[in-house]
PDB file of N, CA and C in Angstrom:
ATOM      1  N   MET A   1      69.982 -44.218  21.211  1.00  0.00           N
ATOM      2  CA  MET A   1      71.268 -43.717  21.723  1.00  0.00           C
ATOM      3  C   MET A   1      72.051 -44.774  22.439  1.00  0.00           C
ATOM      4  N   GLN A   2      73.224 -44.879  22.203  1.00  0.00           N
ATOM      5  CA  GLN A   2      74.183 -45.889  22.783  1.00  0.00           C
ATOM      6  C   GLN A   2      75.047 -45.158  23.788  1.00  0.00           C
ATOM      7  N   HIS A   3      75.275 -45.754  24.992  1.00  0.00           N
ATOM      8  CA  HIS A   3      76.036 -45.303  25.980  1.00  0.00           C
ATOM      9  C   HIS A   3      77.199 -46.329  26.281  1.00  0.00           C
ATOM     10  N   LYS A   4      78.102 -46.279  25.432  1.00  0.00           N
ATOM     11  CA  LYS A   4      79.216 -47.349  25.442  1.00  0.00           C
ATOM     12  C   LYS A   4      79.931 -47.344  27.002  1.00  0.00           C
ATOM     13  N   SER A   5      80.189 -46.127  27.382  1.00  0.00           N
ATOM     14  CA  SER A   5      80.910 -46.157  28.705  1.00  0.00           C
ATOM     15  C   SER A   5      80.055 -46.770  29.762  1.00  0.00           C
ATOM     16  N   ASP A   6      78.676 -46.508  29.752  1.00  0.00           N
ATOM     17  CA  ASP A   6      77.827 -47.043  30.875  1.00  0.00           C
ATOM     18  C   ASP A   6      77.727 -48.592  30.659  1.00  0.00           C
ATOM     19  N   VAL A   7      77.724 -49.127  29.446  1.00  0.00           N
ATOM     20  CA  VAL A   7      77.736 -50.550  29.173  1.00  0.00           C
ATOM     21  C   VAL A   7      79.092 -51.217  29.745  1.00  0.00           C
ATOM     22  N   THR A   8      80.155 -50.460  29.354  1.00  0.00           N
ATOM     23  CA  THR A   8      81.490 -50.983  29.770  1.00  0.00           C
ATOM     24  C   THR A   8      81.521 -51.005  31.282  1.00  0.00           C
ATOM     25  N   GLU A   9      81.026 -50.061  31.989  1.00  0.00           N
ATOM     26  CA  GLU A   9      80.982 -50.074  33.510  1.00  0.00           C
ATOM     27  C   GLU A   9      80.067 -51.163  34.062  1.00  0.00           C
ATOM     28  N   LEU A  10      78.943 -51.306  33.394  1.00  0.00           N
ATOM     29  CA  LEU A  10      78.115 -52.314  33.809  1.00  0.00           C
ATOM     30  C   LEU A  10      78.696 -53.777  33.768  1.00  0.00           C
ATOM     31  N   ILE A  11      79.344 -54.079  32.692  1.00  0.00           N
ATOM     32  CA  ILE A  11      80.135 -55.274  32.519  1.00  0.00           C
ATOM     33  C   ILE A  11      81.214 -55.388  33.555  1.00  0.00           C
ATOM     34  N   GLY A  12      81.799 -54.305  33.982  1.00  0.00           N
ATOM     35  CA  GLY A  12      82.907 -54.297  35.000  1.00  0.00           C
ATOM     36  C   GLY A  12      82.342 -54.548  36.263  1.00  0.00           C
ATOM     37  N   VAL A  13      81.077 -54.196  36.649  1.00  0.00           N
ATOM     38  CA  VAL A  13      80.699 -54.497  38.016  1.00  0.00           C
ATOM     39  C   VAL A  13      79.722 -55.813  38.189  1.00  0.00           C
ATOM     40  N   LEU A  14      79.205 -56.270  37.041  1.00  0.00           N
ATOM     41  CA  LEU A  14      78.448 -57.406  37.181  1.00  0.00           C
ATOM     42  C   LEU A  14      79.005 -58.529  37.760  1.00  0.00           C
ATOM     43  N   PRO A  15      80.182 -59.047  37.666  1.00  0.00           N
ATOM     44  CA  PRO A  15      80.800 -60.098  38.420  1.00  0.00           C
ATOM     45  C   PRO A  15      80.782 -59.823  39.992  1.00  0.00           C
ATOM     46  N   GLU A  16      80.901 -58.692  40.398  1.00  0.00           N
ATOM     47  CA  GLU A  16      80.836 -58.373  41.932  1.00  0.00           C
ATOM     48  C   GLU A  16      79.325 -58.405  42.330  1.00  0.00           C
ATOM     49  N   VAL A  17      78.471 -57.771  41.592  1.00  0.00           N
ATOM     50  CA  VAL A  17      77.082 -57.545  41.993  1.00  0.00           C
ATOM     51  C   VAL A  17      76.276 -58.870  41.923  1.00  0.00           C
ATOM     52  N   GLN A  18      76.397 -59.497  40.718  1.00  0.00           N
ATOM     53  CA  GLN A  18      75.508 -60.605  40.361  1.00  0.00           C
ATOM     54  C   GLN A  18      76.224 -61.963  40.404  1.00  0.00           C
ATOM     55  N   GLY A  19      77.582 -61.940  40.634  1.00  0.00           N
ATOM     56  CA  GLY A  19      78.242 -63.219  40.671  1.00  0.00           C
ATOM     57  C   GLY A  19      78.393 -63.860  39.266  1.00  0.00           C
ATOM     58  N   LEU A  20      78.217 -63.043  38.244  1.00  0.00           N
ATOM     59  CA  LEU A  20      78.473 -63.521  36.860  1.00  0.00           C
ATOM     60  C   LEU A  20      79.859 -63.486  36.510  1.00  0.00           C
ATOM     61  N   LYS A  21      80.318 -64.560  35.730  1.00  0.00           N
ATOM     62  CA  LYS A  21      81.620 -64.613  35.380  1.00  0.00           C
ATOM     63  C   LYS A  21      81.514 -64.239  33.770  1.00  0.00           C
ATOM     64  N   ILE A  22      82.197 -63.174  33.462  1.00  0.00           N
ATOM     65  CA  ILE A  22      82.329 -62.697  32.054  1.00  0.00           C
ATOM     66  C   ILE A  22      83.864 -62.923  31.681  1.00  0.00           C
ATOM     67  N   THR A  23      84.085 -63.753  30.736  1.00  0.00           N
ATOM     68  CA  THR A  23      85.426 -64.000  30.433  1.00  0.00           C
ATOM     69  C   THR A  23      85.933 -62.805  29.481  1.00  0.00           C
ATOM     70  N   PRO A  24      87.178 -62.513  29.461  1.00  0.00           N
ATOM     71  CA  PRO A  24      87.755 -61.385  28.702  1.00  0.00           C
ATOM     72  C   PRO A  24      87.203 -61.586  27.125  1.00  0.00           C
ATOM     73  N   ASP A  25      87.200 -62.705  26.672  1.00  0.00           N
ATOM     74  CA  ASP A  25      86.828 -62.871  25.289  1.00  0.00           C
ATOM     75  C   ASP A  25      85.328 -62.796  24.948  1.00  0.00           C
ATOM     76  N   ALA A  26      84.666 -62.824  25.962  1.00  0.00           N
ATOM     77  CA  ALA A  26      83.125 -62.579  25.815  1.00  0.00           C
ATOM     78  C   ALA A  26      82.720 -61.284  26.122  1.00  0.00           C
ATOM     79  N   ARG A  27      83.573 -60.405  26.519  1.00  0.00           N
ATOM     80  CA  ARG A  27      83.109 -58.997  26.976  1.00  0.00           C
ATOM     81  C   ARG A  27      82.578 -58.116  25.796  1.00  0.00           C
ATOM     82  N   ASP A  28      83.088 -58.246  24.629  1.00  0.00           N
ATOM     83  CA  ASP A  28      82.645 -57.530  23.503  1.00  0.00           C
ATOM     84  C   ASP A  28      81.217 -57.913  23.013  1.00  0.00           C
ATOM     85  N   GLY A  29      80.999 -59.166  23.133  1.00  0.00           N
ATOM     86  CA  GLY A  29      79.608 -59.765  22.761  1.00  0.00           C
ATOM     87  C   GLY A  29      78.616 -59.363  23.808  1.00  0.00           C
ATOM     88  N   VAL A  30      78.975 -59.439  25.093  1.00  0.00           N
ATOM     89  CA  VAL A  30      78.013 -59.031  26.164  1.00  0.00           C
ATOM     90  C   VAL A  30      77.764 -57.589  26.025  1.00  0.00           C
ATOM     91  N   ALA A  31      78.703 -56.749  25.688  1.00  0.00           N
ATOM     92  CA  ALA A  31      78.533 -55.362  25.514  1.00  0.00           C
ATOM     93  C   ALA A  31      77.598 -55.073  24.425  1.00  0.00           C
ATOM     94  N   THR A  32      77.674 -55.735  23.398  1.00  0.00           N
ATOM     95  CA  THR A  32      76.919 -55.503  22.090  1.00  0.00           C
ATOM     96  C   THR A  32      75.404 -55.872  22.416  1.00  0.00           C
ATOM     97  N   HIS A  33      75.233 -56.911  23.232  1.00  0.00           N
ATOM     98  CA  HIS A  33      73.897 -57.307  23.630  1.00  0.00           C
ATOM     99  C   HIS A  33      73.302 -56.319  24.616  1.00  0.00           C
ATOM    100  N   PHE A  34      74.021 -55.931  25.617  1.00  0.00           N
ATOM    101  CA  PHE A  34      73.649 -54.941  26.631  1.00  0.00           C
ATOM    102  C   PHE A  34      73.204 -53.613  25.883  1.00  0.00           C
ATOM    103  N   ALA A  35      73.971 -53.207  24.875  1.00  0.00           N
ATOM    104  CA  ALA A  35      73.707 -51.996  24.147  1.00  0.00           C
ATOM    105  C   ALA A  35      72.357 -52.089  23.356  1.00  0.00           C
ATOM    106  N   ALA A  36      72.151 -53.282  22.804  1.00  0.00           N
ATOM    107  CA  ALA A  36      70.868 -53.423  22.079  1.00  0.00           C
ATOM    108  C   ALA A  36      69.674 -53.435  23.137  1.00  0.00           C
ATOM    109  N   ILE A  37      69.914 -54.167  24.258  1.00  0.00           N
ATOM    110  CA  ILE A  37      68.769 -54.100  25.201  1.00  0.00           C
ATOM    111  C   ILE A  37      68.468 -52.701  25.746  1.00  0.00           C
ATOM    112  N   ARG A  38      69.532 -51.980  25.965  1.00  0.00           N
ATOM    113  CA  ARG A  38      69.349 -50.541  26.381  1.00  0.00           C
ATOM    114  C   ARG A  38      68.573 -49.820  25.290  1.00  0.00           C
ATOM    115  N   ALA A  39      68.967 -49.902  24.048  1.00  0.00           N
ATOM    116  CA  ALA A  39      68.357 -49.209  22.868  1.00  0.00           C
ATOM    117  C   ALA A  39      66.907 -49.558  22.860  1.00  0.00           C
ATOM    118  N   ALA A  40      66.472 -50.785  22.957  1.00  0.00           N
ATOM    119  CA  ALA A  40      65.192 -51.405  22.929  1.00  0.00           C
ATOM    120  C   ALA A  40      64.422 -50.670  24.109  1.00  0.00           C
ATOM    121  N   ALA A  41      64.907 -50.704  25.383  1.00  0.00           N
ATOM    122  CA  ALA A  41      64.277 -50.182  26.481  1.00  0.00           C
ATOM    123  C   ALA A  41      64.062 -48.669  26.323  1.00  0.00           C
ATOM    124  N   GLU A  42      64.988 -48.027  25.754  1.00  0.00           N
ATOM    125  CA  GLU A  42      64.797 -46.591  25.700  1.00  0.00           C
ATOM    126  C   GLU A  42      63.704 -46.192  24.639  1.00  0.00           C
ATOM    127  N   GLU A  43      63.606 -47.076  23.620  1.00  0.00           N
ATOM    128  CA  GLU A  43      62.613 -46.842  22.578  1.00  0.00           C
ATOM    129  C   GLU A  43      61.180 -47.180  23.184  1.00  0.00           C
ATOM    130  N   ALA A  44      61.104 -48.175  24.038  1.00  0.00           N
ATOM    131  CA  ALA A  44      59.875 -48.519  24.662  1.00  0.00           C
ATOM    132  C   ALA A  44      59.370 -47.559  25.683  1.00  0.00           C
ATOM    133  N   ALA A  45      60.431 -46.876  26.360  1.00  0.00           N
ATOM    134  CA  ALA A  45      60.152 -45.945  27.420  1.00  0.00           C
ATOM    135  C   ALA A  45      59.590 -44.642  26.745  1.00  0.00           C
ATOM    136  N   GLU A  46      59.763 -44.428  25.328  1.00  0.00           N
ATOM    137  CA  GLU A  46      59.294 -43.309  24.729  1.00  0.00           C
ATOM    138  C   GLU A  46      57.896 -43.381  24.194  1.00  0.00           C
ATOM    139  N   LEU A  47      57.332 -44.651  24.231  1.00  0.00           N
ATOM    140  CA  LEU A  47      55.944 -44.827  23.841  1.00  0.00           C
ATOM    141  C   LEU A  47      55.001 -44.089  24.693  1.00  0.00           C
ATOM    142  N   PRO A  48      54.093 -43.358  23.989  1.00  0.00           N
ATOM    143  CA  PRO A  48      53.110 -42.645  24.784  1.00  0.00           C
ATOM    144  C   PRO A  48      52.115 -43.440  25.394  1.00  0.00           C
ATOM    145  N   LEU A  49      51.865 -43.136  26.795  1.00  0.00           N
ATOM    146  CA  LEU A  49      50.835 -44.026  27.528  1.00  0.00           C
ATOM    147  C   LEU A  49      49.888 -43.006  28.170  1.00  0.00           C
ATOM    148  N   ASP A  50      48.662 -43.401  28.068  1.00  0.00           N
ATOM    149  CA  ASP A  50      47.536 -42.615  28.527  1.00  0.00           C
ATOM    150  C   ASP A  50      47.486 -42.860  30.075  1.00  0.00           C
ATOM    151  N   ASP A  51      47.067 -41.943  30.811  1.00  0.00           N
ATOM    152  CA  ASP A  51      47.177 -42.071  32.394  1.00  0.00           C
ATOM    153  C   ASP A  51      46.294 -43.183  32.784  1.00  0.00           C
ATOM    154  N   THR A  52      45.215 -43.612  31.967  1.00  0.00           N
ATOM    155  CA  THR A  52      44.267 -44.645  32.346  1.00  0.00           C
ATOM    156  C   THR A  52      44.846 -46.095  31.751  1.00  0.00           C
ATOM    157  N   THR A  53      45.973 -46.164  31.104  1.00  0.00           N
ATOM    158  CA  THR A  53      46.486 -47.362  30.597  1.00  0.00           C
ATOM    159  C   THR A  53      46.999 -48.188  31.722  1.00  0.00           C
ATOM    160  N   GLU A  54      46.556 -49.497  31.749  1.00  0.00           N
ATOM    161  CA  GLU A  54      46.934 -50.298  32.841  1.00  0.00           C
ATOM    162  C   GLU A  54      47.824 -51.512  32.178  1.00  0.00           C
ATOM    163  N   PRO A  55      48.746 -52.022  32.981  1.00  0.00           N
ATOM    164  CA  PRO A  55      49.692 -53.024  32.350  1.00  0.00           C
ATOM    165  C   PRO A  55      48.812 -54.329  32.185  1.00  0.00           C
ATOM    166  N   ALA A  56      49.264 -54.966  31.066  1.00  0.00           N
ATOM    167  CA  ALA A  56      48.708 -56.284  30.734  1.00  0.00           C
ATOM    168  C   ALA A  56      49.064 -57.317  31.783  1.00  0.00           C
ATOM    169  N   TRP A  57      48.219 -58.216  32.171  1.00  0.00           N
ATOM    170  CA  TRP A  57      48.539 -59.236  33.106  1.00  0.00           C
ATOM    171  C   TRP A  57      49.274 -60.415  32.289  1.00  0.00           C
ATOM    172  N   ARG A  58      49.200 -60.384  31.061  1.00  0.00           N
ATOM    173  CA  ARG A  58      49.894 -61.449  30.222  1.00  0.00           C
ATOM    174  C   ARG A  58      50.182 -60.955  28.938  1.00  0.00           C
ATOM    175  N   PHE A  59      51.418 -61.173  28.343  1.00  0.00           N
ATOM    176  CA  PHE A  59      51.748 -60.827  27.143  1.00  0.00           C
ATOM    177  C   PHE A  59      51.534 -61.822  26.075  1.00  0.00           C
ATOM    178  N   GLU A  60      50.956 -61.411  24.910  1.00  0.00           N
ATOM    179  CA  GLU A  60      50.735 -62.384  23.839  1.00  0.00           C
ATOM    180  C   GLU A  60      51.210 -61.766  22.656  1.00  0.00           C
ATOM    181  N   ALA A  61      51.959 -62.563  21.787  1.00  0.00           N
ATOM    182  CA  ALA A  61      52.526 -61.903  20.508  1.00  0.00           C
ATOM    183  C   ALA A  61      51.521 -62.416  19.336  1.00  0.00           C
TER     184      ALA A  61
END
């Protein structure tokens, strides 16, 4: 699920909050990447985890 208005708002406040400079010509690209990151995070958040599952101390692909 894509939330374009949320992504647009995030890009609007990033310069203030994080001190990032996002030029007007880069905004569409940044928005595309943030939307993809959000979609991946939402998909990962839906993975079923057992109550006994512990986080891995190291990730290996």
